[in-house]
Protein backbone atom coordinates (compact mmCIF):
# COMPACT_ATOMS: atom_id res chain seq x y z
CA MET A 1 -61.58 -9.73 -66.24
CA ILE A 2 -63.15 -6.41 -65.30
CA TYR A 3 -60.83 -4.96 -62.69
CA LEU A 4 -62.44 -2.61 -60.17
CA ASP A 5 -59.97 -2.79 -57.28
CA ASN A 6 -57.91 0.23 -58.28
CA ALA A 7 -58.08 1.81 -54.81
CA ALA A 8 -55.87 -1.08 -53.67
CA THR A 9 -53.55 -1.18 -56.70
CA THR A 10 -54.20 0.12 -60.19
CA TRP A 11 -54.23 -2.42 -62.98
CA PRO A 12 -53.37 -2.53 -65.79
CA LYS A 13 -50.33 -0.30 -65.75
CA PRO A 14 -49.50 1.96 -68.68
CA GLU A 15 -47.18 0.39 -71.20
CA GLU A 16 -44.77 3.23 -70.45
CA THR A 17 -44.49 2.05 -66.83
CA ILE A 18 -43.70 -1.51 -67.81
CA ALA A 19 -41.20 -0.45 -70.47
CA ALA A 20 -39.38 1.87 -68.05
CA ILE A 21 -38.98 -0.89 -65.46
CA GLU A 22 -37.66 -3.34 -68.03
CA ASP A 23 -35.29 -0.79 -69.56
CA CYS A 24 -33.93 0.10 -66.11
CA ILE A 25 -33.23 -3.53 -65.25
CA ARG A 26 -31.58 -4.18 -68.60
CA HIS A 27 -29.50 -1.04 -68.94
CA ALA A 28 -29.19 0.68 -65.54
CA GLY A 29 -29.08 -2.17 -63.07
CA ALA A 30 -26.35 -0.77 -60.84
CA ASN A 31 -26.62 1.07 -57.53
CA PRO A 32 -27.48 4.76 -57.90
CA GLY A 33 -25.13 7.17 -56.13
CA ARG A 34 -22.78 4.37 -55.12
CA GLY A 35 -20.23 4.56 -57.90
CA GLY A 36 -18.77 6.66 -60.72
CA HIS A 37 -19.22 4.22 -63.60
CA LYS A 38 -21.74 4.68 -66.38
CA MET A 39 -24.40 2.28 -65.09
CA SER A 40 -24.35 3.78 -61.60
CA LEU A 41 -24.68 7.26 -63.07
CA SER A 42 -27.57 6.12 -65.25
CA ALA A 43 -29.34 4.63 -62.24
CA GLY A 44 -28.79 7.84 -60.27
CA ARG A 45 -30.23 9.84 -63.14
CA ILE A 46 -33.39 7.70 -63.14
CA VAL A 47 -33.91 8.26 -59.41
CA TYR A 48 -33.40 12.00 -59.70
CA GLU A 49 -35.67 12.35 -62.74
CA THR A 50 -38.42 10.57 -60.84
CA ARG A 51 -37.83 12.87 -57.87
CA GLU A 52 -38.22 15.82 -60.23
CA ALA A 53 -41.44 14.34 -61.67
CA VAL A 54 -42.98 13.94 -58.21
CA ALA A 55 -41.95 17.48 -57.26
CA LYS A 56 -43.52 18.88 -60.42
CA LEU A 57 -46.75 16.97 -59.82
CA PHE A 58 -47.12 18.33 -56.28
CA LYS A 59 -45.80 21.84 -57.12
CA VAL A 60 -42.73 21.36 -54.91
CA ASP A 61 -40.02 23.95 -55.62
CA ASP A 62 -37.03 21.81 -54.58
CA PRO A 63 -37.01 18.11 -55.62
CA VAL A 64 -34.77 17.13 -52.69
CA ARG A 65 -37.77 17.71 -50.41
CA ILE A 66 -39.17 14.46 -51.87
CA VAL A 67 -38.03 11.41 -49.91
CA PHE A 68 -38.60 7.98 -51.44
CA THR A 69 -39.97 5.12 -49.33
CA GLY A 70 -41.56 1.75 -50.03
CA ASN A 71 -45.18 2.93 -49.73
CA ALA A 72 -47.48 5.46 -48.03
CA THR A 73 -47.53 3.39 -44.84
CA GLU A 74 -43.77 3.70 -44.44
CA SER A 75 -44.04 7.41 -45.22
CA LEU A 76 -46.69 7.97 -42.54
CA ASN A 77 -44.68 6.04 -39.98
CA LEU A 78 -41.70 8.29 -40.74
CA ALA A 79 -43.80 11.45 -40.50
CA LEU A 80 -45.62 10.52 -37.30
CA LYS A 81 -42.94 8.69 -35.34
CA GLY A 82 -40.23 11.06 -36.50
CA LEU A 83 -42.13 14.15 -35.40
CA LEU A 84 -44.33 13.36 -32.37
CA LYS A 85 -42.92 13.00 -28.85
CA PRO A 86 -44.50 12.07 -25.48
CA GLY A 87 -46.63 14.97 -24.26
CA ASP A 88 -47.42 16.16 -27.79
CA HIS A 89 -51.02 16.33 -29.01
CA VAL A 90 -52.14 15.25 -32.47
CA ILE A 91 -55.57 15.51 -34.13
CA THR A 92 -56.86 12.93 -36.59
CA SER A 93 -60.19 11.73 -38.02
CA SER A 94 -62.48 8.74 -37.65
CA MET A 95 -62.05 7.80 -41.33
CA GLU A 96 -58.36 6.91 -41.24
CA HIS A 97 -56.75 3.90 -42.84
CA ASN A 98 -54.71 1.68 -40.51
CA SER A 99 -51.56 3.14 -42.07
CA MET A 100 -52.36 6.25 -40.04
CA ALA A 101 -54.39 4.76 -37.19
CA ARG A 102 -51.94 2.06 -36.11
CA PRO A 103 -48.84 4.29 -35.82
CA LEU A 104 -50.95 6.78 -33.87
CA TYR A 105 -52.11 3.98 -31.56
CA VAL A 106 -48.49 3.01 -30.90
CA LEU A 107 -47.58 6.64 -30.23
CA GLN A 108 -50.55 7.01 -27.90
CA LYS A 109 -49.22 4.15 -25.80
CA ARG A 110 -45.88 6.00 -25.69
CA GLY A 111 -47.45 9.16 -24.27
CA VAL A 112 -48.67 11.10 -27.30
CA GLU A 113 -52.18 12.50 -26.82
CA VAL A 114 -54.47 11.65 -29.75
CA THR A 115 -57.83 13.30 -30.50
CA GLN A 116 -59.95 11.51 -33.09
CA LEU A 117 -62.57 13.78 -34.64
CA GLN A 118 -65.85 12.09 -35.50
CA CYS A 119 -66.80 12.33 -39.16
CA SER A 120 -70.35 12.19 -40.47
CA PRO A 121 -71.93 8.90 -41.64
CA THR A 122 -70.89 9.84 -45.19
CA GLY A 123 -67.28 10.40 -44.11
CA THR A 124 -67.24 14.20 -44.20
CA LEU A 125 -65.58 16.44 -41.62
CA GLU A 126 -66.27 20.05 -40.71
CA PRO A 127 -63.04 22.11 -40.70
CA GLY A 128 -64.30 23.96 -37.63
CA ALA A 129 -64.00 20.73 -35.65
CA VAL A 130 -60.25 20.83 -36.26
CA ALA A 131 -59.99 24.42 -35.07
CA ASN A 132 -61.96 23.62 -31.92
CA ALA A 133 -59.71 20.65 -31.10
CA ILE A 134 -56.41 22.55 -31.18
CA LYS A 135 -54.78 22.95 -27.76
CA LYS A 136 -51.58 24.46 -26.41
CA ASN A 137 -49.67 21.20 -26.89
CA THR A 138 -51.09 20.40 -30.34
CA VAL A 139 -48.18 19.67 -32.66
CA ALA A 140 -49.92 18.26 -35.73
CA VAL A 141 -53.10 17.40 -37.55
CA ALA A 142 -52.66 14.02 -39.27
CA ILE A 143 -55.45 13.25 -41.69
CA LEU A 144 -56.28 11.50 -44.94
CA HIS A 145 -57.10 13.42 -48.10
CA ALA A 146 -59.78 11.00 -49.29
CA SER A 147 -61.28 7.84 -47.83
CA ASN A 148 -60.40 4.48 -49.32
CA VAL A 149 -63.81 3.20 -48.13
CA THR A 150 -66.31 5.87 -49.23
CA GLY A 151 -64.17 7.97 -51.55
CA THR A 152 -65.09 11.09 -49.55
CA ILE A 153 -62.70 14.00 -50.13
CA LEU A 154 -61.91 15.84 -46.93
CA PRO A 155 -61.55 19.67 -46.86
CA ILE A 156 -57.75 19.63 -46.72
CA GLU A 157 -57.30 23.17 -48.04
CA GLU A 158 -59.53 24.63 -45.31
CA ILE A 159 -57.83 22.48 -42.68
CA GLY A 160 -54.46 23.67 -43.96
CA ARG A 161 -55.44 27.30 -43.45
CA ILE A 162 -56.40 26.47 -39.87
CA THR A 163 -53.17 24.61 -39.09
CA ARG A 164 -50.99 27.31 -40.63
CA ALA A 165 -52.79 30.06 -38.67
CA ASN A 166 -52.25 28.13 -35.43
CA GLY A 167 -48.63 27.11 -35.99
CA VAL A 168 -49.57 23.42 -36.21
CA PHE A 169 -48.05 20.93 -38.66
CA LEU A 170 -50.32 19.31 -41.27
CA ILE A 171 -49.57 15.69 -42.21
CA VAL A 172 -51.67 14.37 -45.11
CA ASP A 173 -52.22 10.81 -46.32
CA ALA A 174 -52.60 11.23 -50.08
CA ALA A 175 -52.64 7.52 -50.94
CA GLN A 176 -56.07 7.84 -52.60
CA THR A 177 -55.58 11.26 -54.21
CA ALA A 178 -52.04 11.45 -55.60
CA GLY A 179 -52.48 11.26 -59.37
CA LEU A 180 -56.22 11.94 -59.13
CA LEU A 181 -56.58 15.41 -57.64
CA ASP A 182 -54.53 18.54 -58.25
CA ILE A 183 -52.30 18.68 -55.16
CA ASP A 184 -50.38 21.91 -54.62
CA VAL A 185 -48.44 21.55 -51.36
CA ASN A 186 -48.16 25.31 -51.02
CA ARG A 187 -51.82 26.07 -51.63
CA ILE A 188 -52.99 23.49 -49.09
CA ASN A 189 -50.25 24.37 -46.57
CA VAL A 190 -49.24 20.75 -46.06
CA ASP A 191 -46.01 20.14 -44.14
CA MET A 192 -45.65 16.43 -44.88
CA LEU A 193 -47.50 14.61 -47.66
CA ALA A 194 -47.40 10.80 -47.87
CA PHE A 195 -48.03 9.12 -51.22
CA THR A 196 -47.79 5.67 -52.72
CA GLY A 197 -46.75 4.76 -56.24
CA HIS A 198 -48.89 1.73 -56.98
CA LYS A 199 -52.33 3.34 -56.95
CA SER A 200 -53.27 6.34 -59.11
CA LEU A 201 -49.67 7.26 -59.90
CA TYR A 202 -49.62 4.08 -62.05
CA GLY A 203 -46.27 2.93 -60.76
CA PRO A 204 -45.38 -0.51 -59.37
CA GLN A 205 -45.85 -1.80 -55.85
CA GLY A 206 -42.99 -1.09 -53.47
CA THR A 207 -42.72 2.60 -54.36
CA GLY A 208 -43.86 5.68 -52.47
CA GLY A 209 -42.59 8.74 -50.75
CA LEU A 210 -42.97 11.68 -48.43
CA PHE A 211 -42.83 15.38 -49.15
CA ILE A 212 -41.18 17.18 -46.21
CA ARG A 213 -41.43 20.95 -46.18
CA ASP A 214 -38.26 22.95 -45.58
CA GLY A 215 -37.99 23.65 -41.85
CA VAL A 216 -39.73 20.41 -40.85
CA LEU A 217 -37.17 17.91 -39.59
CA PRO A 218 -38.51 14.60 -38.30
CA GLU A 219 -36.09 12.04 -36.94
CA PRO A 220 -35.21 9.28 -39.44
CA LEU A 221 -36.57 5.81 -38.68
CA CYS A 222 -33.40 4.05 -39.79
CA GLN A 223 -29.76 4.76 -40.45
CA GLY A 224 -27.32 3.24 -42.91
CA GLY A 225 -25.61 3.59 -46.22
CA THR A 226 -26.57 6.60 -48.30
CA GLY A 227 -23.64 6.87 -50.69
CA SER A 228 -22.72 10.20 -49.10
CA LYS A 229 -20.42 11.17 -46.21
CA SER A 230 -19.46 7.53 -45.76
CA GLU A 231 -16.50 8.48 -43.55
CA SER A 232 -18.87 9.44 -40.70
CA LEU A 233 -20.96 7.19 -38.46
CA GLU A 234 -23.45 10.04 -38.18
CA GLN A 235 -26.42 9.88 -40.53
CA PRO A 236 -26.10 12.70 -43.11
CA GLU A 237 -28.29 15.72 -42.40
CA ASP A 238 -28.67 16.64 -46.05
CA MET A 239 -31.94 15.97 -47.84
CA PRO A 240 -32.94 13.45 -49.03
CA ASP A 241 -30.06 11.31 -47.72
CA ARG A 242 -31.15 11.86 -44.12
CA PHE A 243 -34.15 9.60 -44.78
CA GLU A 244 -32.99 7.33 -47.61
CA SER A 245 -30.73 4.66 -46.15
CA GLY A 246 -29.94 1.57 -48.19
CA THR A 247 -30.19 0.72 -51.86
CA PRO A 248 -33.34 2.23 -53.40
CA ASN A 249 -35.84 0.40 -55.59
CA THR A 250 -34.41 1.86 -58.78
CA PRO A 251 -36.49 -0.21 -61.26
CA GLY A 252 -39.60 0.61 -59.25
CA LEU A 253 -38.77 4.31 -59.24
CA ALA A 254 -38.21 4.14 -63.00
CA GLY A 255 -41.73 2.78 -63.32
CA LEU A 256 -43.09 5.41 -60.94
CA GLY A 257 -41.52 8.20 -62.97
CA ALA A 258 -43.04 6.79 -66.14
CA GLY A 259 -46.42 6.51 -64.45
CA ILE A 260 -46.32 10.16 -63.43
CA ARG A 261 -45.30 11.23 -66.93
CA PHE A 262 -48.24 9.20 -68.27
CA ILE A 263 -50.59 11.11 -65.94
CA MET A 264 -49.18 14.47 -66.93
CA SER A 265 -49.42 13.65 -70.62
CA ARG A 266 -53.08 12.69 -70.20
CA GLY A 267 -53.78 15.61 -67.86
CA LEU A 268 -55.17 15.40 -64.33
CA ASP A 269 -58.39 17.13 -65.40
CA SER A 270 -58.95 14.67 -68.23
CA ILE A 271 -58.39 11.66 -65.97
CA ARG A 272 -60.63 13.11 -63.27
CA LYS A 273 -63.46 13.83 -65.71
CA HIS A 274 -63.29 10.33 -67.19
CA GLU A 275 -63.51 8.70 -63.78
CA GLN A 276 -66.30 11.05 -62.67
CA VAL A 277 -68.34 9.96 -65.69
CA LEU A 278 -67.85 6.31 -64.72
CA VAL A 279 -68.79 6.91 -61.08
CA ALA A 280 -71.87 8.95 -62.04
CA ARG A 281 -73.04 6.19 -64.39
CA PHE A 282 -72.40 3.54 -61.74
CA LEU A 283 -74.22 5.46 -58.99
CA GLU A 284 -77.21 6.13 -61.22
CA GLY A 285 -77.54 2.44 -61.95
CA LEU A 286 -77.13 1.46 -58.30
CA LYS A 287 -79.89 3.85 -57.26
CA GLN A 288 -82.33 1.87 -59.39
CA MET A 289 -81.74 -1.25 -57.28
CA LYS A 290 -83.73 -1.03 -54.06
CA GLU A 291 -81.72 -3.82 -52.40
CA ILE A 292 -78.44 -1.94 -52.77
CA GLN A 293 -77.28 0.42 -50.03
CA ILE A 294 -74.73 3.03 -51.09
CA TYR A 295 -72.28 4.52 -48.58
CA GLY A 296 -70.52 7.87 -48.74
CA PRO A 297 -71.58 11.09 -50.47
CA ALA A 298 -72.76 9.40 -53.70
CA ASP A 299 -71.61 12.51 -55.57
CA PRO A 300 -68.73 12.22 -58.08
CA SER A 301 -67.79 15.87 -57.57
CA ILE A 302 -66.83 15.37 -53.91
CA GLN A 303 -65.41 11.87 -53.96
CA VAL A 304 -62.62 9.98 -55.65
CA PRO A 305 -63.67 7.05 -57.90
CA VAL A 306 -64.43 4.73 -54.99
CA VAL A 307 -67.94 3.41 -54.29
CA SER A 308 -68.84 1.14 -51.38
CA VAL A 309 -72.13 -0.73 -51.22
CA ASN A 310 -73.90 -3.57 -49.50
CA VAL A 311 -76.72 -5.82 -50.62
CA ARG A 312 -79.22 -5.72 -47.79
CA GLY A 313 -79.08 -8.84 -45.64
CA GLN A 314 -76.00 -10.25 -47.37
CA ASP A 315 -72.38 -10.52 -46.27
CA SER A 316 -70.07 -8.35 -48.35
CA SER A 317 -67.61 -11.18 -48.96
CA GLU A 318 -70.35 -13.39 -50.41
CA ILE A 319 -71.33 -10.75 -52.96
CA ALA A 320 -67.72 -10.14 -53.99
CA PHE A 321 -67.18 -13.89 -54.32
CA ILE A 322 -70.18 -14.24 -56.64
CA LEU A 323 -69.05 -11.32 -58.80
CA ASP A 324 -65.58 -12.82 -59.11
CA LYS A 325 -66.56 -16.41 -59.82
CA ALA A 326 -69.71 -15.94 -61.87
CA PHE A 327 -68.93 -12.70 -63.71
CA ASP A 328 -65.12 -12.32 -63.63
CA ILE A 329 -65.37 -8.97 -61.84
CA ALA A 330 -62.57 -8.07 -59.43
CA CYS A 331 -63.72 -5.88 -56.54
CA ARG A 332 -62.95 -5.92 -52.83
CA SER A 333 -64.98 -6.83 -49.77
CA GLY A 334 -64.40 -6.48 -46.04
CA LEU A 335 -62.99 -3.66 -43.91
CA HIS A 336 -60.35 -2.41 -46.41
CA CYS A 337 -57.82 -1.95 -43.57
CA ALA A 338 -59.93 0.93 -42.24
CA PRO A 339 -62.05 -0.28 -39.29
CA ALA A 340 -62.48 3.25 -37.92
CA ALA A 341 -64.06 4.31 -41.20
CA HIS A 342 -66.46 1.36 -41.10
CA ARG A 343 -67.37 2.18 -37.52
CA THR A 344 -68.14 5.71 -38.72
CA ILE A 345 -70.45 4.62 -41.54
CA GLY A 346 -72.00 1.74 -39.59
CA THR A 347 -70.54 -1.25 -41.42
CA LEU A 348 -68.00 -2.60 -38.94
CA ASP A 349 -69.96 -5.85 -38.61
CA ARG A 350 -69.80 -6.83 -42.28
CA GLY A 351 -67.66 -4.37 -44.20
CA THR A 352 -68.64 -3.28 -47.69
CA VAL A 353 -68.28 -4.32 -51.31
CA ARG A 354 -65.96 -1.71 -52.82
CA PHE A 355 -65.70 -0.79 -56.50
CA SER A 356 -62.88 1.54 -57.55
CA PHE A 357 -62.25 2.82 -61.05
CA SER A 358 -59.26 4.01 -63.08
CA ILE A 359 -58.53 5.68 -66.40
CA PHE A 360 -58.54 2.24 -68.05
CA ASN A 361 -62.14 1.37 -67.15
CA THR A 362 -64.96 2.05 -69.61
CA PRO A 363 -68.71 2.84 -69.55
CA THR A 364 -69.33 -0.57 -71.11
CA GLU A 365 -67.66 -2.22 -68.14
CA VAL A 366 -69.78 -0.15 -65.75
CA ASP A 367 -72.93 -1.37 -67.48
CA TYR A 368 -71.75 -4.97 -67.29
CA VAL A 369 -71.08 -4.68 -63.55
CA LEU A 370 -74.51 -3.13 -62.96
CA ASP A 371 -76.14 -5.97 -64.87
CA ALA A 372 -74.13 -8.50 -62.87
CA LEU A 373 -75.25 -6.91 -59.61
CA GLU A 374 -78.85 -6.87 -60.72
CA ARG A 375 -78.70 -10.56 -61.66
CA THR A 376 -76.93 -11.41 -58.40
CA VAL A 377 -79.56 -9.62 -56.32
CA ALA A 378 -82.39 -11.27 -58.26
CA GLU A 379 -81.05 -14.75 -57.53
CA LEU A 380 -80.51 -14.24 -53.81
CA PRO A 381 -82.89 -16.09 -51.46
């Protein structure tokens, strides 16, 4: 199989990720931070080493500012619902994934004012639009770093300068950029950064987290056992225990840590360049097919390795089905859990066929997919 659905979940995983998960289950299967015996201490060490790896990747000075969750969706719910109150104003974009859009919709019904800034048909956003939308009651800008539909990278650094100058919090959905782009939380002035482990961090599903800047204190979404201050019914205030109730996914976090170490050993620049070469090759081939419509910037320098297309006159699901059954190519069709983005680019009625690449894809695979598309188009009525 040629796997091009990496924007959903990367596959395959590095051997290091798989080995770390297995080793954790075999040798450190106890609860971390819930006991003084050797296995519990080993499990706690795994969790902390992964926290340190995430902090190093995002240039976070203090690892305890990294809170582990199950995925970016849970992280965004914590950031948004923990921070915003009725009467507050929040600014977002028209390219958001439902992991951002749905919590904001719930908060809007509870009395939070939401302004959705319209992006261009390629998914871009002018930073000035953010500045113009800020009001006296604006508490936060909540926005994705890159689109899971078009791959478009939004100008987060410029937006961060605007939010910092205006005393507004910046909440960033980095689901599509963590492990792909160089993210320095201090340079981009982000106050809360949501990430997931199972995409370009090459960890397993069920892992993710939220960076919370010192001085930002959202309310926790749940309370419970943390292994600390157990004598009190009050949730601990200390980081990260304030937000990490219940037994963590220790084997998953072992895999996440290994995935991050794999990225750092390869180098972010090296991974980025490899994927840019694949996207450039793919786009060049697509442009030779007059029946293919490409969405987004169609420029590897300003997008992550995600390319959405349609075959004119055809339903996206039909094309994806043919590629899967006839050519053993795994891609994704439909709305990709981002209807606002599809409304923005004009594909809400049929979605798109999305191809997303990883470090494990090759130019030979790109050529095979292009040939498969060409043959598919040629045989259509």
